[in-house]
C-alpha atoms as a PDB file:
ATOM      1  CA  MET A   1     -17.576 -26.424   0.534  1.00  0.00           C
ATOM      2  CA  VAL A   2     -14.591 -23.368   1.311  1.00  0.00           C
ATOM      3  CA  ALA A   3     -16.464 -20.684   2.309  1.00  0.00           C
ATOM      4  CA  SER A   4     -14.313 -17.409   1.184  1.00  0.00           C
ATOM      5  CA  PRO A   5     -11.347 -16.018   3.194  1.00  0.00           C
ATOM      6  CA  ARG A   6     -12.010 -13.188   5.150  1.00  0.00           C
ATOM      7  CA  SER A   7     -10.093 -10.491   6.630  1.00  0.00           C
ATOM      8  CA  SER A   8      -9.292 -10.637  10.167  1.00  0.00           C
ATOM      9  CA  THR A   9      -9.727  -7.464  12.394  1.00  0.00           C
ATOM     10  CA  ARG A  10      -8.796  -6.744  15.845  1.00  0.00           C
ATOM     11  CA  THR A  11     -10.065  -4.156  18.263  1.00  0.00           C
ATOM     12  CA  GLU A  12      -7.961  -1.845  20.120  1.00  0.00           C
ATOM     13  CA  MET A  13      -8.985   0.682  21.988  1.00  0.00           C
ATOM     14  CA  ALA A  14     -12.999   0.678  20.724  1.00  0.00           C
ATOM     15  CA  ARG A  15     -11.883   0.837  17.107  1.00  0.00           C
ATOM     16  CA  ASN A  16     -11.863  -1.560  14.327  1.00  0.00           C
ATOM     17  CA  SER A  17      -8.670  -2.525  12.620  1.00  0.00           C
ATOM     18  CA  LYS A  18      -7.783  -4.195   9.571  1.00  0.00           C
ATOM     19  CA  PRO A  19      -4.404  -6.038   8.466  1.00  0.00           C
ATOM     20  CA  LEU A  20      -2.724  -3.778   6.715  1.00  0.00           C
ATOM     21  CA  GLU A  21      -0.223  -4.358   3.162  1.00  0.00           C
ATOM     22  CA  ARG A  22       3.395  -3.269   3.217  1.00  0.00           C
ATOM     23  CA  LEU A  23       4.580  -2.626  -0.627  1.00  0.00           C
ATOM     24  CA  VAL A  24       7.681  -0.880  -1.588  1.00  0.00           C
ATOM     25  CA  ILE A  25       8.707   0.077  -4.946  1.00  0.00           C
ATOM     26  CA  ASP A  26      11.504   1.166  -7.151  1.00  0.00           C
ATOM     27  CA  VAL A  27      10.473   2.309 -10.486  1.00  0.00           C
ATOM     28  CA  PRO A  28      11.896   4.496 -12.901  1.00  0.00           C
ATOM     29  CA  GLU A  29      10.433   8.206 -12.668  1.00  0.00           C
ATOM     30  CA  ASN A  30       8.962   8.694 -15.839  1.00  0.00           C
ATOM     31  CA  PHE A  31       6.224   5.602 -13.705  1.00  0.00           C
ATOM     32  CA  ILE A  32       5.808   7.801 -10.529  1.00  0.00           C
ATOM     33  CA  GLY A  33       2.226   8.757 -11.672  1.00  0.00           C
ATOM     34  CA  ILE A  34       0.646   5.354 -12.808  1.00  0.00           C
ATOM     35  CA  ILE A  35       1.969   3.957  -9.705  1.00  0.00           C
ATOM     36  CA  MET A  36       0.270   6.747  -7.086  1.00  0.00           C
ATOM     37  CA  GLU A  37      -2.534   6.195  -9.152  1.00  0.00           C
ATOM     38  CA  THR A  38      -2.493   2.382  -8.620  1.00  0.00           C
ATOM     39  CA  THR A  39      -2.261   2.015  -5.299  1.00  0.00           C
ATOM     40  CA  GLY A  40      -4.873   5.671  -4.543  1.00  0.00           C
ATOM     41  CA  SER A  41      -7.573   3.308  -6.130  1.00  0.00           C
ATOM     42  CA  ARG A  42      -6.404   0.585  -3.428  1.00  0.00           C
ATOM     43  CA  ARG A  43      -6.664   3.642  -0.590  1.00  0.00           C
ATOM     44  CA  GLY A  44      -3.114   2.984  -0.781  1.00  0.00           C
ATOM     45  CA  GLU A  45      -1.516   5.253   1.447  1.00  0.00           C
ATOM     46  CA  MET A  46       2.767   6.645   0.313  1.00  0.00           C
ATOM     47  CA  ILE A  47       5.181   6.381   4.175  1.00  0.00           C
ATOM     48  CA  LYS A  48       7.959   7.479   1.779  1.00  0.00           C
ATOM     49  CA  MET A  49       9.942   8.278  -1.460  1.00  0.00           C
ATOM     50  CA  SER A  50      13.805   8.801  -2.235  1.00  0.00           C
ATOM     51  CA  ASN A  51      14.834   9.922  -4.636  1.00  0.00           C
ATOM     52  CA  HIS A  52      18.822   9.876  -5.396  1.00  0.00           C
ATOM     53  CA  GLY A  53      19.699  11.267  -8.335  1.00  0.00           C
ATOM     54  CA  SER A  54      19.528   8.383 -10.880  1.00  0.00           C
ATOM     55  CA  GLY A  55      16.526   8.548 -12.295  1.00  0.00           C
ATOM     56  CA  ARG A  56      14.950   5.863 -10.168  1.00  0.00           C
ATOM     57  CA  VAL A  57      12.754   6.385  -6.781  1.00  0.00           C
ATOM     58  CA  ARG A  58      11.535   4.304  -4.149  1.00  0.00           C
ATOM     59  CA  MET A  59       8.070   4.429  -2.589  1.00  0.00           C
ATOM     60  CA  ASP A  60       7.080   2.955   0.761  1.00  0.00           C
ATOM     61  CA  PHE A  61       3.786   2.110   1.344  1.00  0.00           C
ATOM     62  CA  LYS A  62       0.702   0.881   3.217  1.00  0.00           C
ATOM     63  CA  ILE A  63      -2.528  -0.210   1.914  1.00  0.00           C
ATOM     64  CA  PRO A  64      -5.488  -1.408   3.818  1.00  0.00           C
ATOM     65  CA  HIS A  65      -5.812  -5.829   3.546  1.00  0.00           C
ATOM     66  CA  ALA A  66      -8.176  -6.487   0.328  1.00  0.00           C
ATOM     67  CA  ASP A  67     -11.506  -8.318   1.537  1.00  0.00           C
END
């Protein structure tokens, strides 16, 4: 048998920290809501959002690694 995979944790300054995933997505403006909802359910945190006036938005998230 093989055990289920587990996230590795690291202790820094008396705090446990888990790995993060980085998500960069480029979507049409009308999909911003569903992207925010989906990443929010995974406790994603938006780092940056860029709108270049072309009808598309680039969003950069960091998301805690799922167990």
